[in-house]
């Protein structure tokens, strides 16, 4: 049934595309000045412009004044660059860098400028744009020697020179075979593998002067749009710094994230050992029948890490500093629940009996719950918890006393007691999963030596190619879309609509405390996008085009099609991915 649905979808897409091409050619080949109607959603005005006008000229004619320079637009709820030309009636919403889609366009374009600067200064060098960290993007530059401060200064000066020159970004659409030929000549095997394994007939690349690269999304019209950036030496690489999404006139301060960087680097080292640095590598291996081996190795590496964490907890106890409270925190859809269950199994193998406690059960009664700026109950806030009761009970448990644990009834919004009593024995440890586990305000009265803090997140471990990383937020959003559809009755449209609010709560209550962790655990798996593809595509295809969420659904669909799909029967029942797609051997 699913395969029939997919075939029908692609047939419809193909005929719509042919109709679109016919319409464009008909307009181009006529001498009549055809006018089209544009509905501008920013100011509610209807514009009449010549067919073939680009978004940049339409923005000028619209009279729209955004607080910051326009970067891109949503056209019929699909994100497009300002060079995009229109040949029939459309709805348009112009975007500045405060919008996540526009910020992605800005960062992609800035990365191309960085690549051009590096190519001109170090013709035999290799640039690898790896992952976000410390309010920027970490990059490795391989030039057969250590990078110096003088190198970084030269790169920054060259980038400024390119930006001042206001060079246009030129998009070239061509047959995939032609793009493969071009990138082969340039020694870009990462791009060649991705194009070859994605199965596309046509693709596109960009030109910036005589520099060629491919980016899987829109770019700004020219380098002059990229007025704000910085690049600094960061450990053994570079940190590309970008405008703040909150205050785009400034660049956010660098936040020290050594533990986060170590986690990223650890997985990148393993990817290098496995020769699985990019999606093209992964696709090629899966197409040659090595999917099961990749899955088994990735799962074994993750289990090895969990076992090591359990041993750290055991060793603390053996050294006379017994851990009594394990606090597990992380953002939405990071896999905290499955991690806590697998950690509990490993604790048992060390002779430690885990007892799971839900932090949610310490919510205040609903009438005492704080509200956010929209007037909704703010369950993301730490002050939605009864901190006094929590600390009183934890202290009593640590003293060896018996307490009756509360239960929060989400239907009534009231706290209940159901007779669940707990007395901690010598060989027992409390395992608590919750958003605020690393926040010092949660456990100020509990001695640090009694606590072991773990930060869990899906820190994407693979890149599309060497100049296109996969955002960690995309990893978690795909997980959440599948989980919400399977277990919570939410559509992809509903999940996407809530996502920015969820992200705002994480920025406020989770991310500032992640470096407080004793250990970080990366719950992302090398193969997981390939595993999610067959699950998430039908769900995303249900999002109607006449809603704002369609833009994100459309982007994710395009992105997921770069992955060779892996069947469910190859994924172990203990896998963390099973928390989202179903079939887990754990009870939730």
Protein backbone atom coordinates (compact mmCIF):
# COMPACT_ATOMS: atom_id res chain seq x y z
CA UNK A 1 0.00 0.00 0.00
CA UNK A 2 2.80 2.39 0.92
CA UNK A 3 4.67 1.63 -2.32
CA UNK A 4 1.52 2.30 -4.38
CA UNK A 5 1.04 5.58 -2.55
CA UNK A 6 4.62 6.61 -3.32
CA UNK A 7 4.27 5.71 -7.02
CA UNK A 8 1.06 7.75 -7.29
CA UNK A 9 2.75 10.70 -5.56
CA UNK A 10 5.71 10.70 -7.94
CA UNK A 11 3.50 10.35 -11.04
CA UNK A 12 1.45 13.38 -9.93
CA UNK A 13 4.62 15.31 -9.16
CA UNK A 14 6.04 14.49 -12.62
CA UNK A 15 2.96 15.68 -14.52
CA UNK A 16 2.69 18.86 -12.43
CA UNK A 17 6.33 19.57 -13.19
CA UNK A 18 5.78 19.09 -16.95
CA UNK A 19 2.81 21.47 -16.83
CA UNK A 20 4.94 24.01 -14.98
CA UNK A 21 7.71 23.80 -17.62
CA UNK A 22 5.17 24.14 -20.44
CA UNK A 23 3.68 27.25 -18.84
CA UNK A 24 7.09 28.88 -18.35
CA UNK A 25 8.17 28.18 -21.94
CA UNK A 26 4.89 29.53 -23.27
CA UNK A 27 5.42 32.80 -21.38
CA UNK A 28 9.05 33.10 -22.43
CA UNK A 29 8.27 32.53 -26.09
CA UNK A 30 5.54 35.14 -26.40
CA UNK A 31 5.99 38.85 -27.08
CA UNK A 32 3.05 39.77 -24.88
CA UNK A 33 3.96 41.36 -21.54
CA UNK A 34 2.08 38.94 -19.28
CA UNK A 35 1.21 40.25 -15.82
CA UNK A 36 0.68 38.06 -12.76
CA UNK A 37 -1.00 38.64 -9.39
CA UNK A 38 1.09 38.48 -6.22
CA UNK A 39 -0.51 38.38 -2.78
CA UNK A 40 1.99 39.78 -0.28
CA UNK A 41 1.28 38.28 3.13
CA UNK A 42 3.55 40.75 4.95
CA UNK A 43 1.26 43.74 4.31
CA UNK A 44 -1.88 42.13 2.85
CA UNK A 45 -1.50 43.91 -0.49
CA UNK A 46 -2.12 42.53 -3.96
CA UNK A 47 0.57 43.37 -6.52
CA UNK A 48 0.56 43.09 -10.29
CA UNK A 49 4.02 42.39 -11.70
CA UNK A 50 5.42 41.15 -15.02
CA UNK A 51 5.75 37.38 -15.33
CA UNK A 52 9.37 36.40 -14.84
CA UNK A 53 9.99 38.94 -12.07
CA UNK A 54 12.33 37.75 -9.34
CA UNK A 55 11.54 37.92 -5.64
CA UNK A 56 14.06 40.66 -5.00
CA UNK A 57 12.40 43.06 -7.45
CA UNK A 58 8.96 42.14 -6.13
CA UNK A 59 10.14 42.93 -2.60
CA UNK A 60 11.25 46.38 -3.76
CA UNK A 61 7.88 46.98 -5.41
CA UNK A 62 5.89 45.68 -2.44
CA UNK A 63 6.85 48.48 -0.04
CA UNK A 64 7.37 45.94 2.75
CA UNK A 65 9.81 47.14 5.41
CA UNK A 66 11.20 44.34 7.59
CA UNK A 67 13.25 45.20 10.71
CA UNK A 68 16.27 43.49 9.15
CA UNK A 69 17.38 42.98 5.51
CA UNK A 70 15.24 40.50 3.59
CA UNK A 71 17.05 37.20 2.97
CA UNK A 72 14.50 34.86 1.38
CA UNK A 73 10.76 34.28 1.02
CA UNK A 74 8.05 31.67 1.28
CA UNK A 75 6.32 31.24 -2.07
CA UNK A 76 3.07 29.30 -1.75
CA UNK A 77 4.56 28.06 1.54
CA UNK A 78 7.82 26.82 -0.01
CA UNK A 79 11.09 28.56 0.89
CA UNK A 80 12.82 30.18 -2.09
CA UNK A 81 15.82 32.43 -2.64
CA UNK A 82 15.41 36.04 -3.74
CA UNK A 83 16.68 35.20 -7.24
CA UNK A 84 13.70 32.88 -7.76
CA UNK A 85 11.52 34.00 -10.69
CA UNK A 86 7.72 33.82 -10.80
CA UNK A 87 5.63 33.03 -13.85
CA UNK A 88 2.15 32.68 -12.37
CA UNK A 89 0.07 33.93 -9.44
CA UNK A 90 1.56 33.31 -6.00
CA UNK A 91 1.27 34.06 -2.30
CA UNK A 92 4.54 35.48 -0.92
CA UNK A 93 5.89 36.13 2.55
CA UNK A 94 9.28 37.85 2.76
CA UNK A 95 11.66 36.74 5.53
CA UNK A 96 14.60 38.26 7.37
CA UNK A 97 17.23 36.40 9.42
CA UNK A 98 14.92 36.06 12.44
CA UNK A 99 13.13 33.31 10.55
CA UNK A 100 14.89 29.90 10.84
CA UNK A 101 14.57 29.26 7.10
CA UNK A 102 16.14 32.62 6.22
CA UNK A 103 18.92 32.06 8.75
CA UNK A 104 19.74 28.75 7.06
CA UNK A 105 19.96 30.61 3.74
CA UNK A 106 22.31 33.18 5.29
CA UNK A 107 24.57 30.53 6.84
CA UNK A 108 24.74 28.42 3.65
CA UNK A 109 25.76 31.47 1.66
CA UNK A 110 28.38 32.42 4.24
CA UNK A 111 29.79 28.88 4.09
CA UNK A 112 30.23 29.23 0.33
CA UNK A 113 32.16 32.47 0.89
CA UNK A 114 34.34 30.65 3.43
CA UNK A 115 34.99 27.84 0.95
CA UNK A 116 35.91 30.31 -1.81
CA UNK A 117 38.28 32.18 0.51
CA UNK A 118 39.97 28.94 1.62
CA UNK A 119 40.22 27.69 -1.98
CA UNK A 120 41.98 30.85 -3.09
CA UNK A 121 44.37 30.97 -0.13
CA UNK A 122 45.06 27.22 0.14
CA UNK A 123 44.43 25.64 -3.30
CA UNK A 124 45.43 22.18 -2.03
CA UNK A 125 43.59 22.50 1.29
CA UNK A 126 40.44 20.67 2.31
CA UNK A 127 37.61 22.32 4.24
CA UNK A 128 35.14 20.23 6.26
CA UNK A 129 32.14 22.08 7.76
CA UNK A 130 31.30 19.78 10.65
CA UNK A 131 28.74 20.80 13.28
CA UNK A 132 27.25 23.64 15.34
CA UNK A 133 28.90 24.40 18.68
CA UNK A 134 29.55 27.45 20.90
CA UNK A 135 27.08 29.66 18.99
CA UNK A 136 28.87 29.00 15.72
CA UNK A 137 29.89 26.29 13.27
CA UNK A 138 33.02 24.26 13.78
CA UNK A 139 35.14 23.65 10.68
CA UNK A 140 38.26 21.61 10.05
CA UNK A 141 40.85 22.88 7.59
CA UNK A 142 43.45 20.41 6.39
CA UNK A 143 46.55 22.12 4.94
CA UNK A 144 49.28 19.65 5.96
CA UNK A 145 50.19 21.72 9.02
CA UNK A 146 48.62 23.31 12.07
CA UNK A 147 46.40 26.34 11.48
CA UNK A 148 47.88 29.58 12.78
CA UNK A 149 46.29 32.85 13.87
CA UNK A 150 47.81 34.41 10.76
CA UNK A 151 45.97 31.85 8.61
CA UNK A 152 42.67 32.75 10.26
CA UNK A 153 43.29 36.48 9.80
CA UNK A 154 44.03 35.90 6.11
CA UNK A 155 40.83 33.86 5.67
CA UNK A 156 38.74 36.55 7.38
CA UNK A 157 40.30 39.30 5.23
CA UNK A 158 39.66 37.30 2.04
CA UNK A 159 36.02 36.68 3.06
CA UNK A 160 35.52 40.41 3.63
CA UNK A 161 37.04 41.11 0.21
CA UNK A 162 34.63 38.66 -1.44
CA UNK A 163 31.65 40.18 0.41
CA UNK A 164 32.58 43.76 -0.48
CA UNK A 165 32.88 42.73 -4.15
CA UNK A 166 29.17 41.76 -4.02
CA UNK A 167 29.67 38.75 -6.30
CA UNK A 168 26.42 37.07 -7.43
CA UNK A 169 25.64 33.47 -6.55
CA UNK A 170 24.68 31.73 -9.77
CA UNK A 171 22.49 28.63 -9.60
CA UNK A 172 22.98 26.08 -12.40
CA UNK A 173 20.51 23.25 -12.98
CA UNK A 174 21.81 20.31 -14.98
CA UNK A 175 21.58 16.58 -15.47
CA UNK A 176 22.99 14.65 -12.55
CA UNK A 177 25.56 13.05 -14.84
CA UNK A 178 26.94 16.49 -15.73
CA UNK A 179 27.22 17.49 -12.05
CA UNK A 180 28.96 14.19 -11.31
CA UNK A 181 31.46 14.86 -14.10
CA UNK A 182 32.19 18.37 -12.77
CA UNK A 183 32.72 17.27 -9.18
CA UNK A 184 34.82 14.27 -10.23
CA UNK A 185 37.16 16.64 -12.05
CA UNK A 186 37.49 18.66 -8.85
CA UNK A 187 38.15 15.58 -6.71
CA UNK A 188 34.94 16.03 -4.70
CA UNK A 189 34.10 12.36 -4.13
CA UNK A 190 31.72 13.25 -1.28
CA UNK A 191 29.47 15.19 -3.68
CA UNK A 192 29.79 12.54 -6.39
CA UNK A 193 28.68 9.75 -4.05
CA UNK A 194 25.69 11.72 -2.76
CA UNK A 195 24.43 12.59 -6.25
CA UNK A 196 25.02 9.06 -7.55
CA UNK A 197 23.29 7.32 -4.63
CA UNK A 198 20.32 9.72 -4.41
CA UNK A 199 19.06 8.50 -7.79
CA UNK A 200 18.20 11.94 -9.11
CA UNK A 201 17.93 12.66 -12.84
CA UNK A 202 18.57 16.39 -12.44
CA UNK A 203 20.37 18.35 -9.76
CA UNK A 204 21.91 21.79 -9.33
CA UNK A 205 25.11 23.43 -8.21
CA UNK A 206 26.16 27.00 -7.50
CA UNK A 207 28.90 29.20 -8.88
CA UNK A 208 30.57 32.08 -7.02
CA UNK A 209 32.84 33.59 -9.60
CA UNK A 210 34.92 30.62 -10.78
CA UNK A 211 34.31 28.60 -7.58
CA UNK A 212 31.80 25.74 -7.79
CA UNK A 213 29.99 24.03 -4.93
CA UNK A 214 26.62 22.49 -4.16
CA UNK A 215 24.29 23.43 -1.31
CA UNK A 216 21.00 21.71 -0.63
CA UNK A 217 18.91 24.83 -0.15
CA UNK A 218 18.66 28.47 -1.22
CA UNK A 219 21.42 31.06 -1.21
CA UNK A 220 21.21 34.86 -1.08
CA UNK A 221 21.48 36.67 -4.46
CA UNK A 222 25.00 37.99 -3.89
CA UNK A 223 27.77 38.15 -1.31
CA UNK A 224 26.89 41.75 -0.37
CA UNK A 225 23.96 40.41 1.65
CA UNK A 226 26.38 38.82 4.16
CA UNK A 227 27.33 41.89 6.13
CA UNK A 228 27.80 40.30 9.56
CA UNK A 229 30.09 37.36 10.39
CA UNK A 230 33.30 36.44 12.14
CA UNK A 231 35.77 33.58 11.98
CA UNK A 232 38.18 32.66 14.75
CA UNK A 233 40.62 29.92 15.59
CA UNK A 234 38.85 27.31 17.71
CA UNK A 235 40.96 24.49 19.17
CA UNK A 236 42.54 22.77 16.14
CA UNK A 237 40.03 24.20 13.66
CA UNK A 238 37.89 27.24 12.87
CA UNK A 239 34.66 28.62 14.31
CA UNK A 240 32.41 30.41 11.83
CA UNK A 241 30.31 32.90 13.78
CA UNK A 242 26.94 34.16 12.56
CA UNK A 243 24.31 36.77 13.54
CA UNK A 244 22.22 36.09 16.62
CA UNK A 245 18.75 34.80 15.77
CA UNK A 246 17.41 36.95 18.64
CA UNK A 247 19.32 40.15 17.83
CA UNK A 248 20.60 39.87 14.23
CA UNK A 249 22.56 43.13 14.55
CA UNK A 250 25.05 41.30 16.75
CA UNK A 251 26.99 38.06 16.92
CA UNK A 252 26.34 35.94 20.01
CA UNK A 253 29.21 35.47 22.44
CA UNK A 254 31.19 32.24 22.18
CA UNK A 255 29.95 29.82 24.83
CA UNK A 256 32.47 27.36 26.18
CA UNK A 257 31.21 23.89 25.23
CA UNK A 258 34.21 21.59 25.62
CA UNK A 259 32.16 18.54 26.57
CA UNK A 260 29.82 19.04 23.62
CA UNK A 261 32.76 19.41 21.23
CA UNK A 262 34.36 16.23 22.64
CA UNK A 263 31.17 14.25 21.99
CA UNK A 264 30.98 15.45 18.40
CA UNK A 265 34.66 14.76 17.82
CA UNK A 266 34.41 11.26 19.30
CA UNK A 267 31.70 10.25 16.85
CA UNK A 268 33.44 11.89 13.91
CA UNK A 269 36.56 9.85 14.73
CA UNK A 270 34.51 6.65 14.67
CA UNK A 271 32.89 7.69 11.39
CA UNK A 272 36.35 8.22 9.94
CA UNK A 273 37.49 4.77 11.13
CA UNK A 274 34.36 3.21 9.59
CA UNK A 275 34.82 5.30 6.42
CA UNK A 276 31.30 6.66 6.95
CA UNK A 277 31.79 10.43 7.01
CA UNK A 278 28.99 11.44 4.63
CA UNK A 279 25.55 10.29 3.52
CA UNK A 280 27.01 9.22 0.18
CA UNK A 281 29.31 6.79 2.04
CA UNK A 282 26.35 5.43 4.01
CA UNK A 283 24.11 5.06 0.94
CA UNK A 284 26.84 3.30 -1.02
CA UNK A 285 27.44 0.82 1.79
CA UNK A 286 23.71 0.10 2.20
CA UNK A 287 23.24 -0.38 -1.55
CA UNK A 288 26.05 -2.95 -1.47
CA UNK A 289 24.35 -4.95 1.29
CA UNK A 290 26.26 -3.71 4.34
CA UNK A 291 23.31 -2.09 6.17
CA UNK A 292 23.09 -4.81 8.82
CA UNK A 293 26.79 -4.56 9.61
CA UNK A 294 26.57 -0.76 9.94
CA UNK A 295 23.54 -1.05 12.23
CA UNK A 296 25.21 -3.66 14.44
CA UNK A 297 28.40 -1.63 14.81
CA UNK A 298 26.53 1.62 15.54
CA UNK A 299 24.34 -0.09 18.15
CA UNK A 300 27.35 -1.79 19.74
CA UNK A 301 29.22 1.51 20.01
CA UNK A 302 26.21 3.09 21.70
CA UNK A 303 25.79 0.19 24.12
CA UNK A 304 29.50 0.33 24.91
CA UNK A 305 29.10 3.99 25.84
CA UNK A 306 26.11 3.25 28.09
CA UNK A 307 28.03 0.44 29.79
CA UNK A 308 30.94 2.81 30.40
CA UNK A 309 28.60 5.35 32.06
CA UNK A 310 27.19 2.61 34.32
CA UNK A 311 30.76 1.66 35.29
CA UNK A 312 31.54 5.28 36.15
CA UNK A 313 28.57 5.31 38.53
CA UNK A 314 29.70 2.00 40.05
CA UNK A 315 33.30 3.22 40.43
CA UNK A 316 32.17 6.33 42.27
CA UNK A 317 30.43 4.11 44.78
CA UNK A 318 33.43 1.77 45.04
CA UNK A 319 35.66 4.77 45.77
CA UNK A 320 33.51 5.73 48.76
CA UNK A 321 31.46 8.41 47.01
CA UNK A 322 28.19 6.54 46.47
CA UNK A 323 25.85 7.87 43.77
CA UNK A 324 22.27 7.88 44.99
CA UNK A 325 20.57 10.08 42.36
CA UNK A 326 21.18 9.80 38.60
CA UNK A 327 19.75 12.84 36.83
CA UNK A 328 19.09 12.46 33.08
CA UNK A 329 18.31 15.60 31.11
CA UNK A 330 18.12 16.59 27.46
CA UNK A 331 15.94 18.29 24.84
CA UNK A 332 12.79 16.94 23.25
CA UNK A 333 13.03 13.63 21.37
CA UNK A 334 16.59 12.99 22.46
CA UNK A 335 15.73 9.43 23.49
CA UNK A 336 16.03 10.00 27.25
CA UNK A 337 13.45 7.31 28.07
CA UNK A 338 15.14 4.48 26.19
CA UNK A 339 18.55 5.65 27.40
CA UNK A 340 17.39 5.50 31.03
CA UNK A 341 16.06 1.97 30.52
CA UNK A 342 19.25 0.75 28.87
CA UNK A 343 21.33 2.43 31.57
CA UNK A 344 19.23 0.67 34.20
CA UNK A 345 20.07 -2.69 32.59
CA UNK A 346 23.77 -1.84 32.67
CA UNK A 347 23.55 -0.70 36.29
CA UNK A 348 22.07 -4.08 37.18
CA UNK A 349 25.05 -5.81 35.57
CA UNK A 350 27.20 -3.87 38.05
CA UNK A 351 25.11 -4.99 41.02
CA UNK A 352 23.26 -1.67 41.37
CA UNK A 353 19.45 -1.76 41.56
CA UNK A 354 17.90 1.24 39.74
CA UNK A 355 14.61 2.80 40.79
CA UNK A 356 13.00 5.06 38.18
CA UNK A 357 11.29 8.27 39.28
CA UNK A 358 9.52 10.70 36.96
CA UNK A 359 10.19 14.36 37.58
CA UNK A 360 6.80 15.12 36.00
CA UNK A 361 5.11 13.76 39.10
CA UNK A 362 6.37 16.77 41.04
CA UNK A 363 4.41 19.30 38.99
CA UNK A 364 2.50 21.89 40.99
CA UNK A 365 -1.30 21.74 40.90
CA UNK A 366 -2.49 23.36 37.68
CA UNK A 367 -3.91 26.45 39.36
CA UNK A 368 -0.41 27.20 40.71
CA UNK A 369 1.42 26.50 37.45
CA UNK A 370 3.18 29.57 35.97
CA UNK A 371 2.05 30.87 32.58
CA UNK A 372 4.08 31.98 29.58
CA UNK A 373 3.82 35.27 27.70
CA UNK A 374 0.85 33.90 25.70
CA UNK A 375 -1.08 33.03 28.86
CA UNK A 376 -0.65 29.27 28.44
CA UNK A 377 0.52 26.98 31.25
CA UNK A 378 4.31 26.81 31.07
CA UNK A 379 5.17 23.22 31.89
CA UNK A 380 8.67 23.79 30.46
CA UNK A 381 9.56 26.12 33.34
CA UNK A 382 11.42 24.75 36.34
CA UNK A 383 8.97 26.74 38.47
CA UNK A 384 6.16 24.48 37.29
CA UNK A 385 7.68 21.94 39.70
CA UNK A 386 7.11 21.79 43.43
CA UNK A 387 10.79 22.28 44.20
CA UNK A 388 10.26 22.32 47.95
CA UNK A 389 8.43 18.97 48.03
CA UNK A 390 10.95 17.43 45.64
CA UNK A 391 13.96 18.41 47.74
CA UNK A 392 12.27 17.42 50.99
CA UNK A 393 11.51 13.95 49.66
CA UNK A 394 14.93 13.47 48.07
CA UNK A 395 16.67 14.45 51.30
CA UNK A 396 14.46 12.08 53.30
CA UNK A 397 15.19 9.23 50.85
CA UNK A 398 18.93 9.88 51.09
CA UNK A 399 18.66 9.73 54.89
CA UNK A 400 17.24 6.24 54.54
CA UNK A 401 13.64 7.19 55.35
CA UNK A 402 10.58 5.81 53.60
CA UNK A 403 8.47 8.29 51.61
CA UNK A 404 5.26 8.05 49.63
CA UNK A 405 5.89 9.26 46.10
CA UNK A 406 3.40 11.62 44.41
CA UNK A 407 1.65 11.08 41.08
CA UNK A 408 0.59 13.98 38.86
CA UNK A 409 -2.74 13.50 37.10
CA UNK A 410 -2.52 15.43 33.82
CA UNK A 411 -6.28 15.08 33.24
CA UNK A 412 -7.29 16.74 36.52
CA UNK A 413 -4.19 18.87 36.99
CA UNK A 414 -3.90 17.64 40.58
CA UNK A 415 -1.34 15.73 42.62
CA UNK A 416 -2.38 12.32 43.86
CA UNK A 417 -0.92 9.69 46.18
CA UNK A 418 -1.45 6.09 45.12
CA UNK A 419 0.40 4.22 47.82
CA UNK A 420 3.78 4.01 46.00
CA UNK A 421 6.34 4.04 48.81
CA UNK A 422 10.10 4.05 48.49
CA UNK A 423 12.93 3.29 50.91
CA UNK A 424 16.40 3.36 49.37
CA UNK A 425 18.59 0.35 50.18
CA UNK A 426 22.38 0.42 50.13
CA UNK A 427 22.69 -1.08 46.63
CA UNK A 428 19.96 1.08 45.09
CA UNK A 429 20.12 4.28 43.04
CA UNK A 430 17.36 6.62 41.91
CA UNK A 431 17.23 7.20 38.14
CA UNK A 432 15.35 10.37 37.31
CA UNK A 433 14.61 11.60 33.80
CA UNK A 434 13.46 15.18 33.30
CA UNK A 435 14.14 18.44 31.52
CA UNK A 436 15.68 20.18 34.52
CA UNK A 437 18.05 17.53 35.83
CA UNK A 438 21.16 19.66 35.18
CA UNK A 439 19.70 22.91 36.49
CA UNK A 440 21.32 23.76 39.86
CA UNK A 441 17.98 25.11 41.09
CA UNK A 442 16.47 21.62 41.01
CA UNK A 443 18.66 20.02 43.69
CA UNK A 444 20.38 22.78 45.70
CA UNK A 445 19.98 20.89 48.98
CA UNK A 446 21.31 17.55 47.71
CA UNK A 447 25.10 17.05 48.03
CA UNK A 448 26.93 17.03 44.68
CA UNK A 449 28.76 13.83 45.55
CA UNK A 450 25.39 12.01 45.74
CA UNK A 451 24.41 13.09 42.21
CA UNK A 452 25.49 11.89 38.78
CA UNK A 453 24.30 14.13 35.96
CA UNK A 454 23.88 12.94 32.36
CA UNK A 455 23.03 15.05 29.32
CA UNK A 456 21.39 13.16 26.45
CA UNK A 457 20.83 14.59 22.97
CA UNK A 458 20.75 13.49 19.34
CA UNK A 459 23.94 15.16 18.12
CA UNK A 460 23.87 14.24 14.44
CA UNK A 461 26.90 12.10 13.57
CA UNK A 462 26.96 12.29 9.77
CA UNK A 463 27.05 15.04 7.13
CA UNK A 464 25.36 15.21 3.73
CA UNK A 465 28.76 16.05 2.28
CA UNK A 466 31.82 17.93 3.48
CA UNK A 467 30.18 21.34 3.10
CA UNK A 468 26.63 20.45 4.19
CA UNK A 469 26.03 19.27 7.75
CA UNK A 470 22.75 17.93 9.13
CA UNK A 471 21.32 20.15 11.90
CA UNK A 472 20.86 18.38 15.21
CA UNK A 473 17.42 19.95 15.46
CA UNK A 474 16.38 18.18 12.23
CA UNK A 475 17.39 14.89 13.82
CA UNK A 476 15.13 15.48 16.80
CA UNK A 477 12.28 16.99 14.75
CA UNK A 478 12.08 13.92 12.51
CA UNK A 479 12.00 11.71 15.61
CA UNK A 480 9.25 13.79 17.18
CA UNK A 481 7.10 13.86 14.02
CA UNK A 482 7.16 10.06 13.84
CA UNK A 483 6.59 9.57 17.58
CA UNK A 484 3.78 12.14 17.81
CA UNK A 485 1.99 10.56 14.86
CA UNK A 486 2.41 6.99 16.12
CA UNK A 487 1.66 7.46 19.82
CA UNK A 488 0.09 10.86 20.48
CA UNK A 489 -2.33 11.29 17.60
CA UNK A 490 -0.66 14.48 16.33
CA UNK A 491 -0.22 15.25 12.66
CA UNK A 492 3.09 16.47 11.25
CA UNK A 493 1.47 19.88 10.82
CA UNK A 494 0.67 20.05 14.54
CA UNK A 495 4.16 18.90 15.57
CA UNK A 496 5.88 21.39 13.27
CA UNK A 497 3.60 24.19 14.50
CA UNK A 498 4.68 23.53 18.11
CA UNK A 499 8.36 23.07 17.32
CA UNK A 500 9.53 26.68 17.64
CA UNK A 501 7.85 26.95 21.04
CA UNK A 502 9.55 23.73 22.13
CA UNK A 503 12.89 25.05 20.88
CA UNK A 504 12.42 28.32 22.78
CA UNK A 505 11.83 26.37 25.99
CA UNK A 506 14.98 24.33 25.39
CA UNK A 507 17.03 27.48 24.80
CA UNK A 508 15.83 28.84 28.13
CA UNK A 509 15.70 25.80 30.41
CA UNK A 510 17.94 23.04 29.00
CA UNK A 511 20.83 24.19 26.79
CA UNK A 512 22.31 26.71 29.27
CA UNK A 513 22.99 23.86 31.72
CA UNK A 514 24.24 21.10 29.41
CA UNK A 515 27.91 21.61 30.32
CA UNK A 516 27.01 20.90 33.98
CA UNK A 517 26.78 17.22 33.07
CA UNK A 518 29.24 14.68 34.44
CA UNK A 519 28.94 12.92 31.09
CA UNK A 520 27.24 13.55 27.74
CA UNK A 521 25.60 10.83 25.67
CA UNK A 522 24.99 11.19 21.94
CA UNK A 523 21.80 9.30 21.18
CA UNK A 524 22.05 9.84 17.41
CA UNK A 525 22.78 6.77 15.33
CA UNK A 526 24.72 6.76 12.08
CA UNK A 527 21.91 5.09 10.15
CA UNK A 528 18.82 6.59 11.73
CA UNK A 529 17.69 8.92 8.92
CA UNK A 530 17.79 5.92 6.60
CA UNK A 531 15.63 4.05 9.12
CA UNK A 532 13.18 6.93 9.52
CA UNK A 533 12.71 7.62 5.81
CA UNK A 534 9.90 5.13 5.14
CA UNK A 535 8.12 6.26 8.34
CA UNK A 536 8.31 10.02 8.02
CA UNK A 537 7.69 10.49 4.27
CA UNK A 538 3.98 9.45 4.31
CA UNK A 539 3.40 11.58 7.44
CA UNK A 540 5.01 14.67 5.90
CA UNK A 541 3.09 14.17 2.66
CA UNK A 542 -0.15 14.68 4.62
CA UNK A 543 0.70 18.32 5.43
CA UNK A 544 -1.54 20.50 3.21
CA UNK A 545 0.08 23.16 1.05
CA UNK A 546 -2.22 25.92 2.32
CA UNK A 547 -0.56 26.11 5.77
CA UNK A 548 2.71 27.66 6.93
CA UNK A 549 3.97 24.32 8.20
CA UNK A 550 4.09 23.04 4.61
CA UNK A 551 7.41 24.86 4.07
CA UNK A 552 9.13 22.80 6.77
CA UNK A 553 7.44 19.57 5.66
CA UNK A 554 8.54 20.22 2.07
CA UNK A 555 12.13 20.91 3.17
CA UNK A 556 12.30 17.76 5.29
CA UNK A 557 10.87 15.65 2.46
CA UNK A 558 13.55 16.88 0.05
CA UNK A 559 16.20 16.22 2.68
CA UNK A 560 15.03 12.69 3.53
CA UNK A 561 15.18 11.64 -0.13
CA UNK A 562 18.95 11.79 -0.02
CA UNK A 563 18.94 8.66 2.17
CA UNK A 564 18.75 5.06 1.06
CA UNK A 565 15.89 3.55 3.08
CA UNK A 566 16.62 0.79 5.62
CA UNK A 567 13.92 -1.77 6.51
CA UNK A 568 12.55 -2.01 10.06
CA UNK A 569 13.37 -5.71 10.39
CA UNK A 570 17.09 -4.85 10.39
CA UNK A 571 16.80 -2.66 13.51
CA UNK A 572 17.26 -4.37 16.92
CA UNK A 573 14.32 -4.33 19.31
CA UNK A 574 16.49 -2.69 21.97
CA UNK A 575 17.50 0.15 19.63
CA UNK A 576 16.84 3.68 20.80
CA UNK A 577 15.10 4.31 17.46
CA UNK A 578 12.39 1.85 18.47
CA UNK A 579 11.16 4.42 21.00
CA UNK A 580 9.89 6.39 17.99
CA UNK A 581 9.04 3.87 15.26
CA UNK A 582 7.66 1.19 17.60
CA UNK A 583 8.50 -2.43 18.28
CA UNK A 584 10.76 -1.82 21.27
CA UNK A 585 11.39 -4.60 23.74
CA UNK A 586 11.15 -2.00 26.53
CA UNK A 587 7.84 -1.07 28.14
CA UNK A 588 7.09 2.67 28.10
